[in-house]
Amino acid sequence: MGKINVIAVIIFVVYLIVGISVYGDYGMSSDEEMEHQTSVITYVHVFGGVMSSSDNENVRNVAAETPDLATWHDRYYGTALQGITVMIEHINGFSMPTKDIFLMRHLFTFLNFFAGVVFFYLILRRRFGNTVFPLFGALFFILYPRFFGESFYNIKDILFVAWVTISVYFVIRWLEEKKVLFLILSAFTIAIATNTRILGLVIVLLACLFSIILDVKRKEGAFRIILNPVLMLLLTYGFYVAITPFLWSSPVANTIDTFNHFLHFEQWTGTHFYLGEMITSNVPWHYIPVWMGITIPLLYLVLAAAGVIFIIYNIVLRLRRRETNIRFHELFFVLLFFGTLFGYIVFHISIYEGWRHAYILFVPFLYIAVYGLYCVSSLIAGRRKLLRYGLAVVVAASLCYQIVWIVVNHPYQYVYFNLIGKQVAEKNFTLDYWNVSHIDLLRYLLSHDDSPEIKVNMEESMLNLYMLTDEEKARIVPSDVDSADYFIQGSRTEYSSRTTPPGFTELISIKVDGMRIATLYGRIPS
């Protein structure tokens, strides 16, 4: 095993150990309860007959009391991956404590993300060989603070990112080698990604486009040029239908219905904080670029900009020279990034609470950033040592800073803003929009107040009760503000406009880079 391979194995082993060690430190996001409900409903839709004849009364009750998938309001959301966690609940007779259920799902989310990082490394290996650049790419992925934190509880968007990455790897292998095995694996993994979020269909469209381009370039016959993308489309759709029970009754009609639902999403009627104003899910065109610009480390942004410049330059240079040996990898990721971003803007796709609905953009973005690092390194190779060492120091310093930041701000990495973003974030952008941090305020109360009943006005942090034991939950009594002894205030909107509730005093605040993301108040004794 070569030196680079040894380093890669060490990085992944250390990351896996860290993830398994800290997955229990995170609170619960607002979407997790609904995702769990939908995954159970989908599971019962498939296995309800078996469950109804179970010897376990609890299993029979779950089958009998679960709503019908056909009329469930979130029936459009695929839960094929989450079904694995429901199967574990089934094996345990649907008697697992809620805390154990959601901790299991946190670990499951992390393991999927871990797999996605490994496959991103493999994608880079296909392009850059056994060099340091795939290692840097893996580290960039692991040490992006927002993903580091969300990879433990964002069971929708992070699973999507992971399986987009996995599917892209197999698509690249198929485009390179056109083997049946990689065609099947590409179609299956794209189907899983699309089941998780319908936007996964972008991958199959790109796969078909590049299949045609490369087959024409290879001077394949017309039959094969047409056959390959047709097989990809049919296999992907077949797998997608097979793992999406909602589609079974009417595959084509329900697929169209699902697509239209997400294209014109109107179910969410809330508001969120952006550029100092409360806005709806109908976001302005600059929403995603701004969010990316303030939450992605500056090094990544600079390298990605360099990558785009080098890609354009190389394409223009080869076209002028009438060369045809252009690598498809860079074109694939550039189209994936800008095509998807353009689609969000042109079709006015609803999005809210950060840019998590567009996390698919991070995969091609990071590839382009690594390509930028590769090109800059190649440009200064053989030049003055000061340039080479300077680049190495900048990259190493940035990664070291991110490691320190992740450790110091654990477990609130999901509130990361870069050096520019942190200057404006508190008064202009949503912070802990899911109130994940509130679990630590509840834990603080339980350890500092010995009362058998602790009356708390909790705003939107009720879901964090699921992360407590039954004994702990019994002590927390959700109360209105007039009768509560404590008050928990979050940062879903602008924190600067929040005021201390009358009759309360601040006890403890959770801060990230000086920004309050959650505060616990205690009632002032009369």
Protein backbone atom coordinates (compact mmCIF):
# COMPACT_ATOMS: atom_id res chain seq x y z
CA MET A 1 0.00 0.00 0.00
CA GLY A 2 1.45 3.34 -1.07
CA LYS A 3 2.05 6.27 1.22
CA ILE A 4 -0.94 8.22 -0.13
CA ASN A 5 -3.23 5.23 0.40
CA VAL A 6 -2.05 4.83 3.98
CA ILE A 7 -2.75 8.50 4.70
CA ALA A 8 -6.21 8.18 3.13
CA VAL A 9 -7.06 5.15 5.27
CA ILE A 10 -5.86 6.97 8.41
CA ILE A 11 -7.98 10.03 7.57
CA PHE A 12 -11.12 7.98 7.02
CA VAL A 13 -10.59 5.78 10.08
CA VAL A 14 -10.04 8.82 12.31
CA TYR A 15 -13.10 10.54 10.86
CA LEU A 16 -15.23 7.43 11.37
CA ILE A 17 -14.10 7.11 14.99
CA VAL A 18 -14.81 10.79 15.64
CA GLY A 19 -18.27 10.54 14.09
CA ILE A 20 -19.23 7.46 16.08
CA SER A 21 -17.95 9.16 19.23
CA VAL A 22 -19.91 12.42 18.92
CA TYR A 23 -23.17 11.58 17.11
CA GLY A 24 -25.05 11.64 20.43
CA ASP A 25 -24.07 15.25 21.13
CA TYR A 26 -26.56 16.85 18.75
CA GLY A 27 -30.12 17.95 19.29
CA MET A 28 -33.10 17.31 17.07
CA SER A 29 -34.11 19.26 13.99
CA SER A 30 -37.68 20.26 13.19
CA ASP A 31 -37.89 17.94 10.17
CA GLU A 32 -36.84 14.77 11.96
CA GLU A 33 -40.19 13.95 13.54
CA MET A 34 -42.04 14.34 10.23
CA GLU A 35 -39.39 12.36 8.36
CA HIS A 36 -39.74 9.59 10.91
CA GLN A 37 -43.52 9.57 10.56
CA THR A 38 -43.34 9.44 6.77
CA SER A 39 -40.77 6.65 6.79
CA VAL A 40 -42.93 4.57 9.18
CA ILE A 41 -46.05 5.17 7.06
CA THR A 42 -44.19 4.13 3.91
CA TYR A 43 -42.79 1.06 5.66
CA VAL A 44 -46.24 0.00 6.87
CA HIS A 45 -47.61 0.52 3.35
CA VAL A 46 -45.13 -2.13 2.17
CA PHE A 47 -45.02 -4.50 5.14
CA GLY A 48 -48.37 -3.81 6.81
CA GLY A 49 -49.72 -7.25 5.89
CA VAL A 50 -46.83 -9.03 7.56
CA MET A 51 -47.05 -6.73 10.58
CA SER A 52 -50.80 -7.33 10.99
CA SER A 53 -50.20 -11.04 11.52
CA SER A 54 -47.31 -10.56 13.93
CA ASP A 55 -47.26 -12.25 17.34
CA ASN A 56 -46.17 -8.91 18.79
CA GLU A 57 -49.18 -6.81 19.80
CA ASN A 58 -47.21 -3.59 19.54
CA VAL A 59 -46.28 -4.36 15.94
CA ARG A 60 -49.92 -5.11 15.11
CA ASN A 61 -51.00 -1.83 16.69
CA VAL A 62 -48.50 0.16 14.63
CA ALA A 63 -49.84 -1.47 11.46
CA ALA A 64 -53.43 -0.75 12.45
CA GLU A 65 -52.95 2.85 13.61
CA THR A 66 -50.62 4.15 10.90
CA PRO A 67 -52.23 6.52 8.37
CA ASP A 68 -52.63 5.49 4.74
CA LEU A 69 -49.72 6.54 2.50
CA ALA A 70 -52.06 7.43 -0.38
CA THR A 71 -53.63 10.27 1.62
CA TRP A 72 -50.61 11.27 3.74
CA HIS A 73 -49.69 14.92 3.11
CA ASP A 74 -45.96 14.08 2.82
CA ARG A 75 -46.47 11.11 0.51
CA TYR A 76 -44.27 12.77 -2.12
CA TYR A 77 -41.18 12.44 0.07
CA GLY A 78 -39.26 9.24 -0.62
CA THR A 79 -37.90 7.39 2.40
CA ALA A 80 -36.23 4.34 0.88
CA LEU A 81 -33.04 4.89 2.85
CA GLN A 82 -34.82 5.73 6.08
CA GLY A 83 -36.78 2.50 5.74
CA ILE A 84 -33.64 0.73 6.94
CA THR A 85 -33.94 2.45 10.33
CA VAL A 86 -37.67 1.60 10.50
CA MET A 87 -36.80 -2.04 9.84
CA ILE A 88 -34.54 -1.91 12.90
CA GLU A 89 -37.49 -0.54 14.88
CA HIS A 90 -39.61 -3.41 13.54
CA ILE A 91 -37.00 -5.97 14.59
CA ASN A 92 -37.17 -4.43 18.07
CA GLY A 93 -40.96 -4.69 18.13
CA PHE A 94 -41.47 -0.95 17.68
CA SER A 95 -40.70 -0.58 21.37
CA MET A 96 -37.48 1.45 21.21
CA PRO A 97 -37.42 4.62 23.36
CA THR A 98 -37.74 7.75 21.23
CA LYS A 99 -34.27 8.88 22.24
CA ASP A 100 -32.77 5.63 20.93
CA ILE A 101 -34.77 5.89 17.71
CA PHE A 102 -33.48 9.33 16.85
CA LEU A 103 -29.94 8.62 18.02
CA MET A 104 -29.97 5.60 15.70
CA ARG A 105 -31.13 7.83 12.86
CA HIS A 106 -28.38 10.35 13.66
CA LEU A 107 -25.78 7.62 13.42
CA PHE A 108 -27.37 6.34 10.22
CA THR A 109 -27.20 9.82 8.68
CA PHE A 110 -23.54 10.14 9.58
CA LEU A 111 -22.63 6.73 8.14
CA ASN A 112 -24.27 7.66 4.84
CA PHE A 113 -22.38 10.93 4.75
CA PHE A 114 -19.15 9.10 5.57
CA ALA A 115 -19.77 6.84 2.57
CA GLY A 116 -20.36 9.93 0.43
CA VAL A 117 -17.01 11.41 1.46
CA VAL A 118 -15.24 8.14 0.59
CA PHE A 119 -16.84 8.13 -2.86
CA PHE A 120 -15.91 11.77 -3.39
CA TYR A 121 -12.33 10.75 -2.72
CA LEU A 122 -12.70 7.95 -5.29
CA ILE A 123 -14.10 10.43 -7.84
CA LEU A 124 -11.00 12.57 -7.40
CA ARG A 125 -8.79 9.50 -7.66
CA ARG A 126 -10.29 8.80 -11.09
CA ARG A 127 -9.28 12.27 -12.24
CA PHE A 128 -6.10 13.15 -10.37
CA GLY A 129 -4.67 9.69 -9.70
CA ASN A 130 -2.91 8.59 -6.54
CA THR A 131 -1.83 12.12 -5.56
CA VAL A 132 -2.40 14.51 -2.69
CA PHE A 133 -5.32 16.25 -4.41
CA PRO A 134 -7.93 13.56 -3.62
CA LEU A 135 -6.74 13.73 0.00
CA PHE A 136 -7.27 17.48 0.09
CA GLY A 137 -10.69 17.02 -1.49
CA ALA A 138 -11.72 14.54 1.20
CA LEU A 139 -10.46 16.85 3.93
CA PHE A 140 -12.28 19.83 2.39
CA PHE A 141 -15.48 17.76 2.49
CA ILE A 142 -14.99 16.47 6.04
CA LEU A 143 -13.95 19.83 7.45
CA TYR A 144 -16.71 21.94 5.97
CA PRO A 145 -18.18 22.88 9.37
CA ARG A 146 -21.83 23.08 8.36
CA PHE A 147 -21.78 19.61 6.84
CA PHE A 148 -19.78 18.29 9.79
CA GLY A 149 -22.62 19.30 12.12
CA GLU A 150 -25.58 18.57 9.88
CA SER A 151 -24.25 15.13 8.96
CA PHE A 152 -25.58 13.92 12.31
CA TYR A 153 -29.19 15.11 12.13
CA ASN A 154 -30.13 16.45 8.67
CA ILE A 155 -31.55 13.14 7.51
CA LYS A 156 -32.94 14.55 4.26
CA ASP A 157 -30.42 16.94 2.71
CA ILE A 158 -27.27 15.18 3.90
CA LEU A 159 -28.50 11.79 2.70
CA PHE A 160 -29.17 13.42 -0.66
CA VAL A 161 -25.67 14.90 -0.86
CA ALA A 162 -24.15 11.53 0.03
CA TRP A 163 -26.06 9.58 -2.59
CA VAL A 164 -25.61 12.21 -5.29
CA THR A 165 -21.88 11.81 -4.70
CA ILE A 166 -22.08 8.02 -4.80
CA SER A 167 -24.17 8.06 -7.98
CA VAL A 168 -21.82 10.50 -9.70
CA TYR A 169 -18.92 8.14 -9.05
CA PHE A 170 -20.68 5.26 -10.78
CA VAL A 171 -21.84 7.53 -13.61
CA ILE A 172 -18.24 8.54 -14.23
CA ARG A 173 -17.16 4.91 -14.24
CA TRP A 174 -19.95 4.11 -16.72
CA LEU A 175 -19.05 7.02 -19.00
CA GLU A 176 -15.41 5.98 -18.95
CA GLU A 177 -15.87 2.26 -19.50
CA LYS A 178 -19.50 1.69 -20.62
CA LYS A 179 -19.70 -1.57 -18.66
CA VAL A 180 -23.10 -3.05 -17.85
CA LEU A 181 -22.17 -3.31 -14.16
CA PHE A 182 -21.60 0.43 -13.89
CA LEU A 183 -24.76 1.14 -15.87
CA ILE A 184 -26.78 -0.84 -13.32
CA LEU A 185 -25.01 0.68 -10.33
CA SER A 186 -25.39 4.18 -11.78
CA ALA A 187 -29.12 3.71 -12.35
CA PHE A 188 -29.67 2.22 -8.89
CA THR A 189 -27.77 4.90 -6.97
CA ILE A 190 -29.36 7.70 -9.00
CA ALA A 191 -32.75 6.20 -8.13
CA ILE A 192 -31.86 6.28 -4.44
CA ALA A 193 -30.75 9.92 -4.70
CA THR A 194 -33.93 10.83 -6.60
CA ASN A 195 -36.08 9.01 -4.07
CA THR A 196 -34.45 11.15 -1.38
CA ARG A 197 -34.93 14.37 -3.34
CA ILE A 198 -36.52 14.59 -6.79
CA LEU A 199 -33.65 16.83 -7.90
CA GLY A 200 -31.58 13.67 -8.29
CA LEU A 201 -33.01 13.40 -11.81
CA VAL A 202 -30.41 16.05 -12.80
CA ILE A 203 -27.74 13.34 -12.53
CA VAL A 204 -29.48 10.96 -14.93
CA LEU A 205 -30.03 13.77 -17.45
CA LEU A 206 -26.36 14.71 -17.35
CA ALA A 207 -25.36 11.05 -17.60
CA CYS A 208 -27.44 10.67 -20.77
CA LEU A 209 -26.12 13.91 -22.27
CA PHE A 210 -22.49 12.96 -21.74
CA SER A 211 -23.12 9.42 -22.91
CA ILE A 212 -24.27 10.81 -26.27
CA ILE A 213 -21.36 13.27 -26.49
CA LEU A 214 -18.71 10.67 -25.67
CA ASP A 215 -20.22 8.01 -27.95
CA VAL A 216 -20.25 10.47 -30.84
CA LYS A 217 -16.65 11.36 -30.08
CA ARG A 218 -15.77 7.64 -30.04
CA LYS A 219 -17.54 7.27 -33.39
CA GLU A 220 -19.95 4.68 -32.11
CA GLY A 221 -22.84 3.62 -34.33
CA ALA A 222 -26.15 5.45 -34.21
CA PHE A 223 -27.87 2.49 -32.54
CA ARG A 224 -25.43 2.41 -29.62
CA ILE A 225 -25.46 6.19 -29.29
CA ILE A 226 -29.22 6.06 -28.76
CA LEU A 227 -29.32 2.77 -26.84
CA ASN A 228 -27.03 3.76 -23.96
CA PRO A 229 -29.01 6.77 -22.70
CA VAL A 230 -32.32 4.95 -23.26
CA LEU A 231 -31.12 2.06 -21.09
CA MET A 232 -29.93 4.51 -18.44
CA LEU A 233 -33.31 6.27 -18.35
CA LEU A 234 -35.34 3.05 -18.28
CA LEU A 235 -33.21 1.38 -15.61
CA THR A 236 -33.15 4.47 -13.40
CA TYR A 237 -36.89 4.94 -13.63
CA GLY A 238 -37.47 1.25 -13.01
CA PHE A 239 -35.36 1.31 -9.84
CA TYR A 240 -36.96 4.60 -8.78
CA VAL A 241 -40.47 3.17 -9.03
CA ALA A 242 -39.39 -0.04 -7.29
CA ILE A 243 -38.13 1.82 -4.19
CA THR A 244 -40.90 4.46 -4.08
CA PRO A 245 -44.15 2.80 -2.90
CA PHE A 246 -46.24 5.93 -3.46
CA LEU A 247 -45.73 5.44 -7.21
CA TRP A 248 -46.82 1.82 -7.37
CA SER A 249 -50.54 2.43 -7.89
CA SER A 250 -49.97 4.74 -10.88
CA PRO A 251 -46.25 5.14 -11.70
CA VAL A 252 -46.35 7.72 -14.49
CA ALA A 253 -49.16 9.90 -13.12
CA ASN A 254 -47.75 9.91 -9.58
CA THR A 255 -44.23 10.68 -10.86
CA ILE A 256 -45.56 13.73 -12.70
CA ASP A 257 -47.55 14.70 -9.62
CA THR A 258 -44.43 14.42 -7.46
CA PHE A 259 -42.36 16.51 -9.85
CA ASN A 260 -45.00 19.25 -10.03
CA HIS A 261 -45.36 19.23 -6.26
CA PHE A 262 -41.73 20.10 -5.71
CA LEU A 263 -41.43 22.42 -8.69
CA HIS A 264 -44.30 24.54 -7.39
CA PHE A 265 -43.93 23.86 -3.69
CA GLU A 266 -46.54 25.78 -1.72
CA GLN A 267 -46.99 23.65 1.38
CA TRP A 268 -44.55 25.64 3.53
CA THR A 269 -46.11 29.01 4.41
CA GLY A 270 -43.63 30.22 7.01
CA THR A 271 -41.05 32.97 6.84
CA HIS A 272 -37.33 33.11 7.45
CA PHE A 273 -34.66 35.74 7.94
CA TYR A 274 -32.54 36.87 4.97
CA LEU A 275 -30.58 40.11 4.47
CA GLY A 276 -32.24 41.64 7.52
CA GLU A 277 -35.81 40.96 6.37
CA MET A 278 -38.39 38.25 6.89
CA ILE A 279 -39.09 36.55 3.55
CA THR A 280 -41.16 33.61 2.32
CA SER A 281 -39.99 30.54 0.41
CA ASN A 282 -40.19 32.58 -2.82
CA VAL A 283 -36.61 33.73 -2.51
CA PRO A 284 -34.80 36.34 -4.68
CA TRP A 285 -32.46 35.15 -7.45
CA HIS A 286 -29.34 35.93 -5.40
CA TYR A 287 -30.42 33.86 -2.39
CA ILE A 288 -28.32 30.73 -3.04
CA PRO A 289 -25.14 32.58 -4.20
CA VAL A 290 -25.28 34.83 -1.14
CA TRP A 291 -25.77 31.94 1.28
CA MET A 292 -22.93 30.00 -0.33
CA GLY A 293 -20.75 33.10 -0.29
CA ILE A 294 -21.10 33.62 3.47
CA THR A 295 -21.09 29.99 4.69
CA ILE A 296 -18.37 28.31 2.61
CA PRO A 297 -14.76 28.79 3.74
CA LEU A 298 -12.99 31.54 1.80
CA LEU A 299 -10.24 29.16 0.64
CA TYR A 300 -12.85 26.95 -1.06
CA LEU A 301 -14.43 29.98 -2.75
CA VAL A 302 -11.10 31.27 -4.07
CA LEU A 303 -10.06 27.85 -5.34
CA ALA A 304 -13.44 27.29 -7.00
CA ALA A 305 -13.16 30.66 -8.76
CA ALA A 306 -9.68 29.66 -9.94
CA GLY A 307 -11.04 26.31 -11.08
CA VAL A 308 -13.74 27.93 -13.22
CA ILE A 309 -11.19 30.29 -14.78
CA PHE A 310 -8.83 27.43 -15.63
CA ILE A 311 -11.65 25.31 -17.04
CA ILE A 312 -12.83 28.11 -19.33
CA TYR A 313 -9.26 28.89 -20.37
CA ASN A 314 -8.47 25.26 -21.21
CA ILE A 315 -11.70 24.83 -23.18
CA VAL A 316 -11.10 28.00 -25.22
CA LEU A 317 -7.46 27.05 -25.80
CA ARG A 318 -8.34 23.58 -27.07
CA LEU A 319 -11.12 24.88 -29.27
CA ARG A 320 -8.76 27.38 -30.84
CA ARG A 321 -6.31 24.58 -31.48
CA ARG A 322 -9.16 22.38 -32.72
CA GLU A 323 -8.22 19.71 -30.21
CA THR A 324 -10.84 17.14 -29.26
CA ASN A 325 -9.11 15.50 -26.31
CA ILE A 326 -10.98 17.54 -23.70
CA ARG A 327 -11.56 15.69 -20.42
CA PHE A 328 -15.26 15.34 -19.73
CA HIS A 329 -14.89 15.37 -15.93
CA GLU A 330 -14.53 19.16 -15.60
CA LEU A 331 -17.35 19.81 -18.07
CA PHE A 332 -19.59 17.39 -16.20
CA PHE A 333 -19.16 19.15 -12.86
CA VAL A 334 -19.34 22.65 -14.33
CA LEU A 335 -22.64 21.79 -16.00
CA LEU A 336 -23.92 20.11 -12.84
CA PHE A 337 -23.14 23.22 -10.80
CA PHE A 338 -24.22 26.02 -13.10
CA GLY A 339 -27.09 24.07 -14.68
CA THR A 340 -28.61 23.27 -11.29
CA LEU A 341 -28.08 26.80 -9.97
CA PHE A 342 -29.60 28.22 -13.15
CA GLY A 343 -32.57 25.89 -12.75
CA TYR A 344 -33.22 27.07 -9.20
CA ILE A 345 -33.19 30.69 -10.33
CA VAL A 346 -35.15 30.36 -13.58
CA PHE A 347 -37.88 28.05 -12.27
CA HIS A 348 -38.21 30.02 -9.01
CA ILE A 349 -37.96 26.81 -7.01
CA SER A 350 -39.05 27.39 -3.42
CA ILE A 351 -36.28 27.29 -0.86
CA TYR A 352 -35.99 28.31 2.78
CA GLU A 353 -33.85 28.18 5.90
CA GLY A 354 -30.33 28.52 4.59
CA TRP A 355 -29.34 26.86 1.33
CA ARG A 356 -29.82 23.25 2.45
CA HIS A 357 -32.30 22.52 -0.34
CA ALA A 358 -29.50 23.28 -2.79
CA TYR A 359 -26.76 21.26 -1.10
CA ILE A 360 -26.41 19.26 -4.33
CA LEU A 361 -24.37 22.25 -5.55
CA PHE A 362 -21.64 21.58 -3.03
CA VAL A 363 -20.49 18.37 -4.74
CA PRO A 364 -19.60 19.96 -8.12
CA PHE A 365 -18.48 23.14 -6.35
CA LEU A 366 -15.94 21.23 -4.28
CA TYR A 367 -14.72 19.25 -7.30
CA ILE A 368 -14.10 22.53 -9.14
CA ALA A 369 -12.28 23.89 -6.07
CA VAL A 370 -9.98 20.85 -5.98
CA TYR A 371 -9.39 21.26 -9.73
CA GLY A 372 -8.49 24.89 -9.03
CA LEU A 373 -5.98 23.78 -6.40
CA TYR A 374 -4.53 21.28 -8.88
CA CYS A 375 -4.16 23.92 -11.61
CA VAL A 376 -2.63 26.53 -9.30
CA SER A 377 -0.18 23.91 -7.99
CA SER A 378 0.74 22.91 -11.53
CA LEU A 379 1.18 26.55 -12.54
CA ILE A 380 3.69 27.30 -9.80
CA ALA A 381 5.48 23.93 -9.98
CA GLY A 382 9.15 24.45 -10.69
CA ARG A 383 8.94 28.13 -9.78
CA ARG A 384 10.25 29.80 -6.68
CA LYS A 385 9.97 27.80 -3.49
CA LEU A 386 8.28 30.77 -1.84
CA LEU A 387 5.24 30.36 -4.08
CA ARG A 388 5.01 26.62 -3.55
CA TYR A 389 5.50 26.84 0.19
CA GLY A 390 3.13 29.80 0.37
CA LEU A 391 0.32 27.79 -1.23
CA ALA A 392 0.97 24.85 1.08
CA VAL A 393 0.93 27.11 4.14
CA VAL A 394 -2.33 28.80 3.10
CA VAL A 395 -4.10 25.46 2.53
CA ALA A 396 -2.72 23.92 5.72
CA ALA A 397 -3.55 27.01 7.78
CA SER A 398 -7.13 27.07 6.48
CA LEU A 399 -7.70 23.40 7.27
CA CYS A 400 -6.12 23.76 10.71
CA TYR A 401 -8.34 26.76 11.43
CA GLN A 402 -11.41 24.75 10.46
CA ILE A 403 -10.35 21.85 12.70
CA VAL A 404 -9.89 24.21 15.64
CA TRP A 405 -13.18 25.97 14.88
CA ILE A 406 -15.05 22.66 14.72
CA VAL A 407 -13.61 21.56 18.06
CA VAL A 408 -14.13 24.88 19.83
CA ASN A 409 -17.72 25.26 18.61
CA HIS A 410 -18.78 21.64 19.03
CA PRO A 411 -21.62 20.70 18.65
CA TYR A 412 -22.82 23.87 16.89
CA GLN A 413 -20.85 23.57 13.66
CA TYR A 414 -24.08 24.01 11.68
CA VAL A 415 -24.03 27.75 12.50
CA TYR A 416 -20.71 28.29 10.71
CA PHE A 417 -20.18 31.49 8.73
CA ASN A 418 -16.91 32.32 7.01
CA LEU A 419 -14.74 35.31 7.90
CA ILE A 420 -16.96 37.62 5.88
CA GLY A 421 -20.27 36.05 6.84
CA LYS A 422 -19.67 36.19 10.58
CA GLN A 423 -19.41 39.99 10.38
CA VAL A 424 -23.01 40.33 9.20
CA ALA A 425 -24.76 37.08 10.10
CA GLU A 426 -26.41 37.85 13.44
CA LYS A 427 -28.44 40.82 12.25
CA ASN A 428 -29.10 39.64 8.72
CA PHE A 429 -29.41 35.85 8.45
CA THR A 430 -31.12 32.87 10.02
CA LEU A 431 -28.84 31.18 12.56
CA ASP A 432 -29.97 27.98 14.33
CA TYR A 433 -33.19 27.80 12.34
CA TRP A 434 -34.00 24.27 13.56
CA ASN A 435 -33.35 25.03 17.27
CA VAL A 436 -30.99 22.06 17.45
CA SER A 437 -28.93 23.77 20.15
CA HIS A 438 -31.86 23.87 22.59
CA ILE A 439 -31.13 20.33 23.74
CA ASP A 440 -28.15 21.65 25.69
CA LEU A 441 -30.28 24.24 27.49
CA LEU A 442 -32.65 21.48 28.54
CA ARG A 443 -29.72 19.37 29.72
CA TYR A 444 -28.42 22.38 31.66
CA LEU A 445 -31.79 22.77 33.39
CA LEU A 446 -31.97 19.09 34.30
CA SER A 447 -28.52 19.19 35.89
CA HIS A 448 -28.95 22.51 37.72
CA ASP A 449 -32.56 22.33 38.93
CA ASP A 450 -33.43 19.45 41.28
CA SER A 451 -37.18 20.10 41.11
CA PRO A 452 -39.29 17.06 40.19
CA GLU A 453 -41.15 19.31 37.72
CA ILE A 454 -39.44 22.06 35.74
CA LYS A 455 -41.89 24.43 34.06
CA VAL A 456 -40.44 25.72 30.77
CA ASN A 457 -41.77 27.93 28.02
CA MET A 458 -39.93 26.39 25.08
CA GLU A 459 -41.04 28.21 21.92
CA GLU A 460 -40.13 25.82 19.09
CA SER A 461 -37.77 23.52 20.98
CA MET A 462 -40.38 20.94 21.99
CA LEU A 463 -38.96 18.33 19.61
CA ASN A 464 -35.74 18.22 21.62
CA LEU A 465 -37.70 16.42 24.33
CA TYR A 466 -37.38 13.35 22.09
CA MET A 467 -33.64 13.39 22.80
CA LEU A 468 -34.20 12.96 26.55
CA THR A 469 -34.82 9.79 28.53
CA ASP A 470 -38.33 9.07 29.77
CA GLU A 471 -37.29 10.09 33.29
CA GLU A 472 -35.87 13.38 32.05
CA LYS A 473 -38.91 14.13 29.90
CA ALA A 474 -41.18 13.56 32.89
CA ARG A 475 -39.44 16.40 34.74
CA ILE A 476 -39.80 18.94 31.90
CA VAL A 477 -43.27 20.52 31.91
CA PRO A 478 -43.98 22.68 28.83
CA SER A 479 -45.80 25.78 30.11
CA ASP A 480 -47.07 29.13 28.87
CA VAL A 481 -44.90 32.13 29.60
CA ASP A 482 -47.06 33.32 32.51
CA SER A 483 -46.70 30.12 34.54
CA ALA A 484 -43.22 29.03 33.43
CA ASP A 485 -40.18 29.20 35.68
CA TYR A 486 -37.86 29.23 32.66
CA PHE A 487 -37.99 30.57 29.14
CA ILE A 488 -35.93 29.32 26.17
CA GLN A 489 -35.46 31.75 23.33
CA GLY A 490 -34.01 30.71 19.99
CA SER A 491 -32.62 32.51 16.96
CA ARG A 492 -34.98 31.46 14.20
CA THR A 493 -35.39 35.13 13.30
CA GLU A 494 -33.15 38.12 13.94
CA TYR A 495 -31.74 37.97 17.45
CA SER A 496 -31.21 41.71 17.71
CA SER A 497 -34.99 42.28 17.84
CA ARG A 498 -35.54 39.76 20.63
CA THR A 499 -36.06 41.18 24.12
CA THR A 500 -35.86 39.58 27.52
CA PRO A 501 -39.37 38.49 28.49
CA PRO A 502 -40.82 40.51 31.40
CA GLY A 503 -40.10 38.96 34.77
CA PHE A 504 -37.14 36.89 33.55
CA THR A 505 -33.38 37.24 33.68
CA GLU A 506 -30.74 35.64 31.46
CA LEU A 507 -29.11 32.55 32.94
CA ILE A 508 -27.01 31.15 30.12
CA SER A 509 -26.54 31.70 26.39
CA ILE A 510 -25.11 29.49 23.67
CA LYS A 511 -22.86 31.50 21.40
CA VAL A 512 -21.02 30.82 18.18
CA ASP A 513 -18.43 33.40 17.14
CA GLY A 514 -20.01 35.80 19.60
CA MET A 515 -23.50 35.33 18.15
CA ARG A 516 -26.23 34.16 20.50
CA ILE A 517 -28.07 31.22 18.98
CA ALA A 518 -30.10 30.25 22.06
CA THR A 519 -30.69 31.69 25.52
CA LEU A 520 -32.15 30.33 28.75
CA TYR A 521 -33.95 32.77 31.02
CA GLY A 522 -35.05 32.18 34.61
CA ARG A 523 -37.97 33.85 36.36
CA ILE A 524 -36.96 36.60 38.75
CA PRO A 525 -38.19 35.76 42.28
CA SER A 526 -41.01 38.06 43.34
